[in-house]
């Protein structure tokens, strides 16, 4: 009798979840099919996996509260958002679509009068950032997905402690999963004792509650640094040394960072404020300062951010708009390439219409799932004329995209389903020939340290390897 009751309960659960999968409007046909296969082939495990990872949600009222905070920030400081007039005045018509689409997602429109300096390497980033912290007079705001207690991590913490002791308002926020060791460290406690305001984005203190009412793999992957509302650092680097102690055999982690000034810093400040206020709602809106001063001879730029509480599919749609505007050249570097099929299609279409498309990946990836999935798309890309390079000296973690020597994008977003659907991300899209030329030069340096992948090489892969890659790629929607 007990067995019959258990089977009946299981059948009802399986039926309800299957109906839920079939009723959802936010799944592609392939993702829906994969979930149904998992549910029926692995029924007991499948029900559990879908309960834990099947849907993007952060618990009761999280999305509503987050949206309310963003609306308040936009209403309170509308000058930070930029304007459509700046778009038409500063961006060439052939590149306006991606900037306009970005604004429709985030509310951040094009700003004028920005400056940026490409950092030479991790050492220069560290020296310049700590110097800016030590020169701060009003506030320092930082948000990192990963903050380690290594050289960079401790130096950053000590600089915040020094600033707090001299009266500078310091707010430090980290992701609850990516920086879990920092949160329990002596360094974190020292910052608190010195007066640094600390907070955790998407905390997982109550593990069971998170599993029951949210998703543990929805993370804040942003990297935001703002000093006095005037200076910002944007790019792919977490608060960690290139040696990256959690995964030293893949080191060095190779990142790209910009030191930025101008109104786009205010947009990153507002983005930080939205995350901070979500976890610390009692913080007054007036405590966030926004400098929108236009720098002479500056360029046009705006923040593109995304997350699981924003419009579904906005990141691949934004990237699709950006890629489709390429007329001559398109160069992309990314450590994690697990795209949806729409992005694969537009990359191939861009190459087929004569644009020189180049993609740079790490030769040795720290995720075998990502490596297999990436490789499953190589032949299709190569046959379309896309050039593929694999970077050898370490894990190329830089997320860069350049178009026609005119437009560039850097930030935290990978070309993978996690960045597309599960993570909070932040990026800056810019229209400036000089800065784009600097980023392209850096991309060429990556290529110089890479092996080019040829179609014949991919065709010679053993059948078992190709089948494995395709199996892993097929499971992409549930990974």
Protein backbone atom coordinates (compact mmCIF):
# COMPACT_ATOMS: atom_id res chain seq x y z
CA UNK A 1 0.00 0.00 0.00
CA UNK A 2 2.80 2.42 0.94
CA UNK A 3 4.51 1.72 -2.38
CA UNK A 4 1.32 2.50 -4.29
CA UNK A 5 0.91 5.77 -2.43
CA UNK A 6 4.51 6.77 -3.20
CA UNK A 7 4.11 5.87 -6.87
CA UNK A 8 0.89 7.85 -7.05
CA UNK A 9 2.53 10.91 -5.47
CA UNK A 10 5.48 10.59 -7.82
CA UNK A 11 3.22 10.26 -10.87
CA UNK A 12 1.26 13.35 -9.84
CA UNK A 13 4.48 15.34 -9.32
CA UNK A 14 5.83 14.20 -12.68
CA UNK A 15 2.58 15.12 -14.39
CA UNK A 16 2.39 18.55 -12.75
CA UNK A 17 5.99 19.46 -13.54
CA UNK A 18 5.61 18.21 -17.13
CA UNK A 19 2.54 20.40 -17.54
CA UNK A 20 4.48 23.29 -16.04
CA UNK A 21 7.28 22.79 -18.57
CA UNK A 22 4.78 22.64 -21.44
CA UNK A 23 2.92 25.72 -20.25
CA UNK A 24 5.95 28.01 -19.87
CA UNK A 25 6.36 30.78 -22.44
CA UNK A 26 10.00 31.53 -21.63
CA UNK A 27 11.51 28.22 -22.81
CA UNK A 28 12.76 27.41 -26.27
CA UNK A 29 11.43 24.25 -27.88
CA UNK A 30 14.79 22.54 -27.44
CA UNK A 31 14.99 23.45 -23.73
CA UNK A 32 11.43 22.23 -23.20
CA UNK A 33 12.25 18.94 -24.92
CA UNK A 34 15.41 18.43 -22.87
CA UNK A 35 13.53 18.97 -19.62
CA UNK A 36 10.82 16.49 -20.62
CA UNK A 37 13.46 13.90 -21.54
CA UNK A 38 15.23 14.39 -18.19
CA UNK A 39 11.95 14.12 -16.30
CA UNK A 40 10.89 10.88 -17.96
CA UNK A 41 14.27 9.16 -18.35
CA UNK A 42 15.43 10.04 -14.82
CA UNK A 43 12.07 10.54 -13.12
CA UNK A 44 13.09 10.69 -9.46
CA UNK A 45 16.24 12.73 -10.04
CA UNK A 46 14.55 14.79 -12.76
CA UNK A 47 11.79 16.03 -10.47
CA UNK A 48 14.37 17.08 -7.87
CA UNK A 49 16.63 18.77 -10.43
CA UNK A 50 13.74 20.71 -11.95
CA UNK A 51 12.59 21.81 -8.49
CA UNK A 52 16.09 23.13 -7.73
CA UNK A 53 17.21 24.48 -11.12
CA UNK A 54 14.31 24.42 -13.55
CA UNK A 55 13.04 27.96 -13.18
CA UNK A 56 14.59 31.38 -12.68
CA UNK A 57 13.22 32.83 -9.45
CA UNK A 58 14.69 34.49 -6.37
CA UNK A 59 11.90 33.95 -3.92
CA UNK A 60 8.67 35.78 -3.06
CA UNK A 61 8.59 39.47 -4.00
CA UNK A 62 12.32 39.74 -4.83
CA UNK A 63 11.77 40.86 -8.42
CA UNK A 64 9.03 43.32 -7.42
CA UNK A 65 11.17 44.90 -4.70
CA UNK A 66 14.19 45.09 -6.99
CA UNK A 67 12.12 46.78 -9.71
CA UNK A 68 10.72 49.27 -7.21
CA UNK A 69 14.23 50.21 -6.09
CA UNK A 70 15.35 50.76 -9.69
CA UNK A 71 12.30 52.95 -10.42
CA UNK A 72 12.99 55.06 -7.32
CA UNK A 73 16.63 55.52 -8.32
CA UNK A 74 15.70 56.49 -11.88
CA UNK A 75 13.07 58.95 -10.64
CA UNK A 76 15.34 60.44 -7.99
CA UNK A 77 18.29 61.06 -10.36
CA UNK A 78 17.02 61.12 -13.98
CA UNK A 79 20.11 63.01 -15.17
CA UNK A 80 22.15 59.81 -14.69
CA UNK A 81 20.17 57.95 -17.33
CA UNK A 82 21.43 59.88 -20.38
CA UNK A 83 19.24 60.74 -23.35
CA UNK A 84 18.13 59.70 -26.82
CA UNK A 85 19.50 63.03 -28.06
CA UNK A 86 23.01 61.89 -27.14
CA UNK A 87 22.47 58.69 -29.11
CA UNK A 88 21.55 60.48 -32.32
CA UNK A 89 24.25 63.12 -31.83
CA UNK A 90 27.22 60.88 -31.03
CA UNK A 91 26.63 57.39 -32.45
CA UNK A 92 26.83 56.71 -36.17
CA UNK A 93 23.43 55.66 -37.58
CA UNK A 94 24.70 52.19 -38.52
CA UNK A 95 25.53 51.45 -34.85
CA UNK A 96 22.61 53.08 -33.05
CA UNK A 97 20.36 50.01 -32.87
CA UNK A 98 22.39 48.18 -30.19
CA UNK A 99 22.65 51.31 -28.02
CA UNK A 100 18.89 51.90 -28.36
CA UNK A 101 18.11 48.29 -27.49
CA UNK A 102 20.39 48.44 -24.45
CA UNK A 103 18.53 51.52 -23.18
CA UNK A 104 15.20 49.73 -23.58
CA UNK A 105 16.43 47.03 -21.17
CA UNK A 106 18.21 49.07 -18.51
CA UNK A 107 16.90 52.63 -18.77
CA UNK A 108 20.52 53.77 -19.19
CA UNK A 109 20.77 55.83 -22.38
CA UNK A 110 23.87 57.14 -24.12
CA UNK A 111 26.03 59.60 -22.19
CA UNK A 112 28.60 62.00 -23.65
CA UNK A 113 31.98 63.16 -22.39
CA UNK A 114 33.50 59.95 -21.03
CA UNK A 115 37.17 59.06 -20.81
CA UNK A 116 38.80 55.67 -20.32
CA UNK A 117 42.31 54.32 -20.02
CA UNK A 118 43.11 50.69 -20.76
CA UNK A 119 45.17 49.18 -17.96
CA UNK A 120 48.37 47.45 -19.09
CA UNK A 121 47.99 44.39 -16.88
CA UNK A 122 46.89 43.15 -13.46
CA UNK A 123 49.80 44.86 -11.69
CA UNK A 124 48.95 48.29 -13.08
CA UNK A 125 45.26 47.78 -12.25
CA UNK A 126 46.20 46.97 -8.67
CA UNK A 127 48.54 49.94 -8.25
CA UNK A 128 46.21 52.49 -9.86
CA UNK A 129 43.10 51.28 -8.05
CA UNK A 130 44.75 51.30 -4.61
CA UNK A 131 46.14 54.78 -5.33
CA UNK A 132 42.64 55.98 -6.21
CA UNK A 133 41.30 54.46 -3.00
CA UNK A 134 43.99 56.23 -0.99
CA UNK A 135 43.09 59.53 -2.68
CA UNK A 136 39.33 59.17 -2.08
CA UNK A 137 37.73 61.98 -0.09
CA UNK A 138 34.02 61.11 0.02
CA UNK A 139 33.17 57.47 -0.72
CA UNK A 140 34.29 54.16 -2.24
CA UNK A 141 31.80 51.59 -3.49
CA UNK A 142 32.85 48.11 -4.60
CA UNK A 143 30.93 45.02 -5.66
CA UNK A 144 32.74 41.83 -6.68
CA UNK A 145 31.57 38.35 -7.55
CA UNK A 146 34.82 36.83 -6.26
CA UNK A 147 36.94 38.51 -3.59
CA UNK A 148 39.84 36.40 -2.36
CA UNK A 149 42.14 36.90 0.61
CA UNK A 150 45.21 36.99 -1.64
CA UNK A 151 47.46 39.91 -2.56
CA UNK A 152 44.89 41.92 -4.49
CA UNK A 153 42.11 41.02 -2.08
CA UNK A 154 44.02 42.02 1.05
CA UNK A 155 45.44 45.18 -0.55
CA UNK A 156 41.91 46.25 -1.52
CA UNK A 157 40.59 45.51 1.96
CA UNK A 158 43.43 47.42 3.64
CA UNK A 159 42.88 50.41 1.34
CA UNK A 160 39.20 50.43 2.31
CA UNK A 161 40.13 50.21 5.99
CA UNK A 162 42.51 53.18 5.62
CA UNK A 163 39.82 55.17 3.84
CA UNK A 164 37.15 54.36 6.42
CA UNK A 165 39.45 55.41 9.26
CA UNK A 166 39.96 58.84 7.68
CA UNK A 167 36.20 59.35 7.36
CA UNK A 168 35.49 58.15 3.81
CA UNK A 169 32.21 56.24 3.46
CA UNK A 170 33.12 52.76 2.24
CA UNK A 171 30.59 50.19 1.09
CA UNK A 172 31.77 46.74 0.06
CA UNK A 173 29.45 44.10 -1.39
CA UNK A 174 30.20 40.56 -2.50
CA UNK A 175 28.27 37.65 -3.94
CA UNK A 176 27.18 35.11 -1.35
CA UNK A 177 28.55 32.14 -3.29
CA UNK A 178 31.55 33.48 -5.19
CA UNK A 179 33.02 35.21 -2.11
CA UNK A 180 31.85 32.83 0.60
CA UNK A 181 35.39 32.37 1.96
CA UNK A 182 35.96 36.11 2.19
CA UNK A 183 32.68 36.56 4.11
CA UNK A 184 33.92 34.18 6.82
CA UNK A 185 37.47 35.53 6.88
CA UNK A 186 39.43 37.62 9.34
CA UNK A 187 39.83 40.26 6.61
CA UNK A 188 36.05 40.72 6.33
CA UNK A 189 35.80 41.16 10.10
CA UNK A 190 38.66 43.68 10.08
CA UNK A 191 36.84 45.76 7.48
CA UNK A 192 33.67 45.76 9.58
CA UNK A 193 35.59 46.73 12.73
CA UNK A 194 37.20 49.65 10.87
CA UNK A 195 33.84 51.05 9.80
CA UNK A 196 33.57 49.67 6.27
CA UNK A 197 29.92 48.92 5.55
CA UNK A 198 29.77 45.37 4.20
CA UNK A 199 26.94 43.45 2.61
CA UNK A 200 26.27 40.18 0.79
CA UNK A 201 24.39 39.97 -2.50
CA UNK A 202 22.07 36.96 -2.77
CA UNK A 203 23.12 35.50 0.61
CA UNK A 204 22.89 31.77 1.27
CA UNK A 205 22.96 31.76 5.08
CA UNK A 206 19.84 29.58 5.19
CA UNK A 207 20.79 26.92 2.65
CA UNK A 208 17.52 24.95 2.95
CA UNK A 209 15.40 28.10 2.52
CA UNK A 210 17.33 29.06 -0.61
CA UNK A 211 16.83 25.58 -2.08
CA UNK A 212 13.10 25.59 -1.32
CA UNK A 213 12.17 29.10 -2.37
CA UNK A 214 14.90 30.31 -4.71
CA UNK A 215 17.84 29.03 -6.76
CA UNK A 216 21.30 28.70 -5.32
CA UNK A 217 22.96 29.16 -8.73
CA UNK A 218 21.47 32.63 -9.38
CA UNK A 219 24.45 34.86 -8.63
CA UNK A 220 25.64 38.47 -8.75
CA UNK A 221 28.55 38.26 -11.19
CA UNK A 222 29.13 42.02 -11.41
CA UNK A 223 32.45 43.79 -10.93
CA UNK A 224 31.86 47.43 -9.94
CA UNK A 225 34.33 49.92 -8.46
CA UNK A 226 33.39 53.59 -7.96
CA UNK A 227 35.55 56.19 -6.19
CA UNK A 228 33.99 59.53 -5.16
CA UNK A 229 31.41 59.08 -7.92
CA UNK A 230 34.04 60.31 -10.39
CA UNK A 231 36.34 57.37 -11.11
CA UNK A 232 35.33 53.83 -11.96
CA UNK A 233 36.97 50.57 -12.98
CA UNK A 234 35.16 48.38 -15.49
CA UNK A 235 36.09 45.03 -16.96
CA UNK A 236 36.36 41.34 -16.32
CA UNK A 237 38.58 41.17 -13.25
CA UNK A 238 37.39 39.97 -9.87
CA UNK A 239 39.16 41.11 -6.71
CA UNK A 240 41.83 38.42 -7.00
CA UNK A 241 45.38 37.86 -8.18
CA UNK A 242 45.99 36.40 -11.66
CA UNK A 243 47.34 33.27 -9.93
CA UNK A 244 43.73 32.61 -8.78
CA UNK A 245 44.34 30.24 -5.87
CA UNK A 246 41.07 28.25 -6.14
CA UNK A 247 42.14 26.94 -9.56
CA UNK A 248 45.91 27.47 -9.81
CA UNK A 249 46.54 24.91 -12.57
CA UNK A 250 44.67 27.14 -15.04
CA UNK A 251 46.53 30.32 -14.05
CA UNK A 252 47.24 32.99 -14.85
CA UNK A 253 43.75 34.44 -15.24
CA UNK A 254 44.12 37.07 -17.97
CA UNK A 255 41.67 39.96 -17.61
CA UNK A 256 41.02 43.36 -19.15
CA UNK A 257 40.22 46.50 -17.17
CA UNK A 258 39.46 50.15 -17.92
CA UNK A 259 39.88 53.12 -15.62
CA UNK A 260 36.87 55.26 -16.49
CA UNK A 261 35.81 58.85 -15.85
CA UNK A 262 32.65 60.68 -16.89
CA UNK A 263 28.87 60.24 -16.73
CA UNK A 264 29.02 56.50 -17.41
CA UNK A 265 30.59 56.13 -13.94
CA UNK A 266 27.36 57.57 -12.51
CA UNK A 267 25.42 54.81 -14.30
CA UNK A 268 27.61 52.16 -12.66
CA UNK A 269 27.10 53.99 -9.36
CA UNK A 270 23.33 53.69 -9.80
CA UNK A 271 23.72 50.02 -10.67
CA UNK A 272 25.69 49.50 -7.46
CA UNK A 273 23.02 51.41 -5.54
CA UNK A 274 20.27 49.13 -6.88
CA UNK A 275 22.12 46.04 -5.62
CA UNK A 276 23.06 47.63 -2.30
CA UNK A 277 19.53 48.88 -1.57
CA UNK A 278 18.07 45.46 -2.36
CA UNK A 279 19.94 44.03 0.64
CA UNK A 280 20.06 47.28 2.67
CA UNK A 281 16.73 49.04 2.06
CA UNK A 282 17.17 51.50 4.94
CA UNK A 283 20.09 53.25 3.23
CA UNK A 284 18.89 56.74 2.13
CA UNK A 285 18.80 57.38 -1.62
CA UNK A 286 20.59 60.66 -0.94
CA UNK A 287 23.68 58.80 0.26
CA UNK A 288 24.63 57.93 -3.33
CA UNK A 289 26.39 60.71 -5.21
CA UNK A 290 26.28 60.96 -9.01
CA UNK A 291 28.79 63.05 -10.95
CA UNK A 292 27.48 63.61 -14.48
CA UNK A 293 30.09 66.18 -15.50
CA UNK A 294 30.95 65.87 -19.19
CA UNK A 295 34.69 65.56 -19.88
CA UNK A 296 36.09 67.65 -22.77
CA UNK A 297 36.78 65.57 -25.89
CA UNK A 298 35.17 62.55 -24.25
CA UNK A 299 33.35 59.73 -26.00
CA UNK A 300 29.85 58.29 -25.95
CA UNK A 301 29.12 55.30 -23.71
CA UNK A 302 26.43 53.65 -21.65
CA UNK A 303 26.07 50.81 -19.19
CA UNK A 304 24.43 47.57 -20.27
CA UNK A 305 23.40 45.46 -17.31
CA UNK A 306 21.26 42.37 -17.02
CA UNK A 307 19.99 39.88 -14.49
CA UNK A 308 17.38 37.21 -13.80
CA UNK A 309 14.80 39.81 -12.74
CA UNK A 310 15.09 41.77 -15.99
CA UNK A 311 13.63 41.15 -19.43
CA UNK A 312 14.05 37.53 -20.48
CA UNK A 313 16.52 37.04 -23.32
CA UNK A 314 17.81 40.60 -23.27
CA UNK A 315 21.54 39.77 -23.30
CA UNK A 316 21.55 37.54 -26.41
CA UNK A 317 19.19 40.01 -28.09
CA UNK A 318 21.52 42.92 -27.27
CA UNK A 319 24.56 40.99 -28.46
CA UNK A 320 22.67 39.98 -31.59
CA UNK A 321 21.91 43.63 -32.36
CA UNK A 322 25.55 44.59 -31.76
CA UNK A 323 26.96 41.76 -33.88
CA UNK A 324 24.52 42.31 -36.73
CA UNK A 325 25.73 45.90 -37.09
CA UNK A 326 29.29 44.82 -37.98
CA UNK A 327 30.23 45.85 -41.51
CA UNK A 328 33.91 44.91 -41.73
CA UNK A 329 35.34 43.28 -38.60
CA UNK A 330 34.06 41.63 -35.45
CA UNK A 331 36.44 40.30 -32.79
CA UNK A 332 35.30 38.60 -29.59
CA UNK A 333 37.16 37.09 -26.65
CA UNK A 334 35.35 35.11 -23.99
CA UNK A 335 36.37 32.40 -21.51
CA UNK A 336 32.99 30.65 -21.54
CA UNK A 337 31.20 29.99 -24.82
CA UNK A 338 27.88 28.22 -24.27
CA UNK A 339 25.60 30.26 -26.54
CA UNK A 340 21.97 29.83 -27.43
CA UNK A 341 21.34 28.89 -31.05
CA UNK A 342 20.25 32.40 -32.03
CA UNK A 343 23.74 33.70 -31.23
CA UNK A 344 25.42 30.90 -33.20
CA UNK A 345 23.17 31.69 -36.16
CA UNK A 346 23.92 35.40 -36.14
CA UNK A 347 27.69 34.81 -35.80
CA UNK A 348 27.60 32.49 -38.81
CA UNK A 349 25.38 34.87 -40.78
CA UNK A 350 27.76 37.75 -40.04
CA UNK A 351 30.71 35.73 -41.37
CA UNK A 352 28.77 34.53 -44.44
CA UNK A 353 27.97 38.12 -45.46
CA UNK A 354 31.66 38.94 -45.61
CA UNK A 355 32.52 40.34 -42.19
CA UNK A 356 35.85 39.15 -40.78
CA UNK A 357 34.72 37.40 -37.60
CA UNK A 358 37.36 36.31 -35.08
CA UNK A 359 36.76 34.51 -31.80
CA UNK A 360 39.34 33.88 -29.06
CA UNK A 361 38.83 31.23 -26.35
CA UNK A 362 41.13 29.70 -23.72
CA UNK A 363 42.92 26.60 -24.96
CA UNK A 364 42.51 24.99 -21.54
CA UNK A 365 39.19 25.75 -19.88
CA UNK A 366 38.53 25.33 -16.16
CA UNK A 367 35.11 23.81 -17.00
CA UNK A 368 35.05 20.58 -19.02
CA UNK A 369 31.34 21.22 -19.69
CA UNK A 370 32.10 24.60 -21.26
CA UNK A 371 35.03 23.18 -23.24
CA UNK A 372 32.92 20.35 -24.69
CA UNK A 373 30.00 22.64 -25.52
CA UNK A 374 32.27 25.21 -27.17
CA UNK A 375 33.94 22.54 -29.27
CA UNK A 376 30.57 21.25 -30.45
CA UNK A 377 30.09 24.55 -32.33
CA UNK A 378 33.58 24.84 -33.83
CA UNK A 379 32.88 23.13 -37.15
CA UNK A 380 29.74 25.15 -37.82
CA UNK A 381 31.57 28.40 -37.09
CA UNK A 382 34.65 27.48 -39.11
CA UNK A 383 32.60 26.43 -42.14
CA UNK A 384 30.93 29.85 -42.06
CA UNK A 385 34.35 31.51 -42.20
CA UNK A 386 34.77 32.42 -38.53
CA UNK A 387 38.40 32.38 -37.38
CA UNK A 388 38.92 30.63 -34.04
CA UNK A 389 41.97 31.03 -31.82
CA UNK A 390 42.77 29.26 -28.55
CA UNK A 391 44.85 31.23 -26.05
CA UNK A 392 47.73 29.21 -24.56
CA UNK A 393 49.49 31.05 -21.67
CA UNK A 394 46.61 30.83 -19.17
CA UNK A 395 42.87 31.17 -18.80
CA UNK A 396 41.82 34.09 -20.99
CA UNK A 397 39.13 35.62 -18.79
CA UNK A 398 38.78 38.91 -20.71
CA UNK A 399 35.33 39.52 -22.13
CA UNK A 400 35.79 41.83 -25.13
CA UNK A 401 33.86 42.63 -28.29
CA UNK A 402 34.93 45.13 -30.95
CA UNK A 403 33.07 46.15 -34.12
CA UNK A 404 34.66 47.81 -37.18
CA UNK A 405 37.25 49.66 -35.09
CA UNK A 406 34.39 51.90 -33.91
CA UNK A 407 32.46 50.20 -31.12
CA UNK A 408 33.71 48.21 -28.13
CA UNK A 409 32.12 46.32 -25.26
CA UNK A 410 33.82 45.11 -22.09
CA UNK A 411 32.48 43.91 -18.78
CA UNK A 412 31.46 40.83 -16.84
CA UNK A 413 29.22 39.04 -19.36
CA UNK A 414 30.35 35.72 -20.81
CA UNK A 415 28.82 34.25 -23.96
CA UNK A 416 27.13 31.51 -21.99
CA UNK A 417 23.70 30.62 -20.70
CA UNK A 418 24.64 31.57 -17.14
CA UNK A 419 25.31 35.17 -18.14
CA UNK A 420 22.29 35.16 -20.44
CA UNK A 421 19.76 33.89 -17.89
CA UNK A 422 21.10 33.41 -14.36
CA UNK A 423 23.66 36.05 -13.38
CA UNK A 424 23.51 39.76 -12.65
CA UNK A 425 26.07 41.31 -15.02
CA UNK A 426 27.44 44.75 -15.90
CA UNK A 427 29.16 46.01 -19.05
CA UNK A 428 30.03 49.26 -20.80
CA UNK A 429 29.40 49.73 -24.52
CA UNK A 430 31.43 52.58 -26.05
CA UNK A 431 31.81 54.46 -29.32
CA UNK A 432 35.40 55.69 -29.57
CA UNK A 433 37.97 54.88 -32.24
CA UNK A 434 41.02 55.49 -30.05
CA UNK A 435 39.85 53.32 -27.16
CA UNK A 436 38.55 50.62 -29.51
CA UNK A 437 41.96 50.63 -31.23
CA UNK A 438 43.62 50.01 -27.84
CA UNK A 439 41.26 47.11 -27.11
CA UNK A 440 41.82 45.66 -30.59
CA UNK A 441 45.57 45.83 -30.01
CA UNK A 442 45.04 43.86 -26.81
CA UNK A 443 42.94 41.33 -28.74
CA UNK A 444 45.80 40.96 -31.24
CA UNK A 445 48.13 40.24 -28.33
CA UNK A 446 45.79 37.44 -27.28
CA UNK A 447 45.82 36.09 -30.85
CA UNK A 448 49.63 36.23 -30.99
CA UNK A 449 49.69 33.92 -27.95
CA UNK A 450 47.11 31.53 -29.41
CA UNK A 451 46.88 28.53 -31.72
CA UNK A 452 44.54 28.92 -34.67
CA UNK A 453 41.98 26.14 -35.00
CA UNK A 454 41.48 24.87 -38.55
CA UNK A 455 38.52 23.01 -39.97
CA UNK A 456 40.69 19.99 -40.85
CA UNK A 457 41.74 19.72 -37.21
CA UNK A 458 38.11 19.61 -36.04
CA UNK A 459 37.21 17.07 -38.73
CA UNK A 460 39.98 14.80 -37.47
CA UNK A 461 38.60 14.64 -33.94
CA UNK A 462 37.66 11.04 -32.98
CA UNK A 463 33.99 10.12 -33.31
CA UNK A 464 33.70 9.47 -29.57
CA UNK A 465 34.98 12.97 -28.80
CA UNK A 466 32.56 14.61 -31.21
CA UNK A 467 29.64 12.61 -29.79
CA UNK A 468 30.64 13.58 -26.25
CA UNK A 469 30.77 17.27 -27.18
CA UNK A 470 27.32 17.11 -28.77
CA UNK A 471 25.81 15.25 -25.81
CA UNK A 472 27.08 17.90 -23.40
CA UNK A 473 25.88 20.72 -25.69
CA UNK A 474 22.44 19.08 -25.93
CA UNK A 475 22.16 19.19 -22.16
CA UNK A 476 23.03 22.91 -22.16
CA UNK A 477 19.52 24.14 -21.28
CA UNK A 478 19.53 22.25 -17.97
CA UNK A 479 23.19 22.76 -16.98
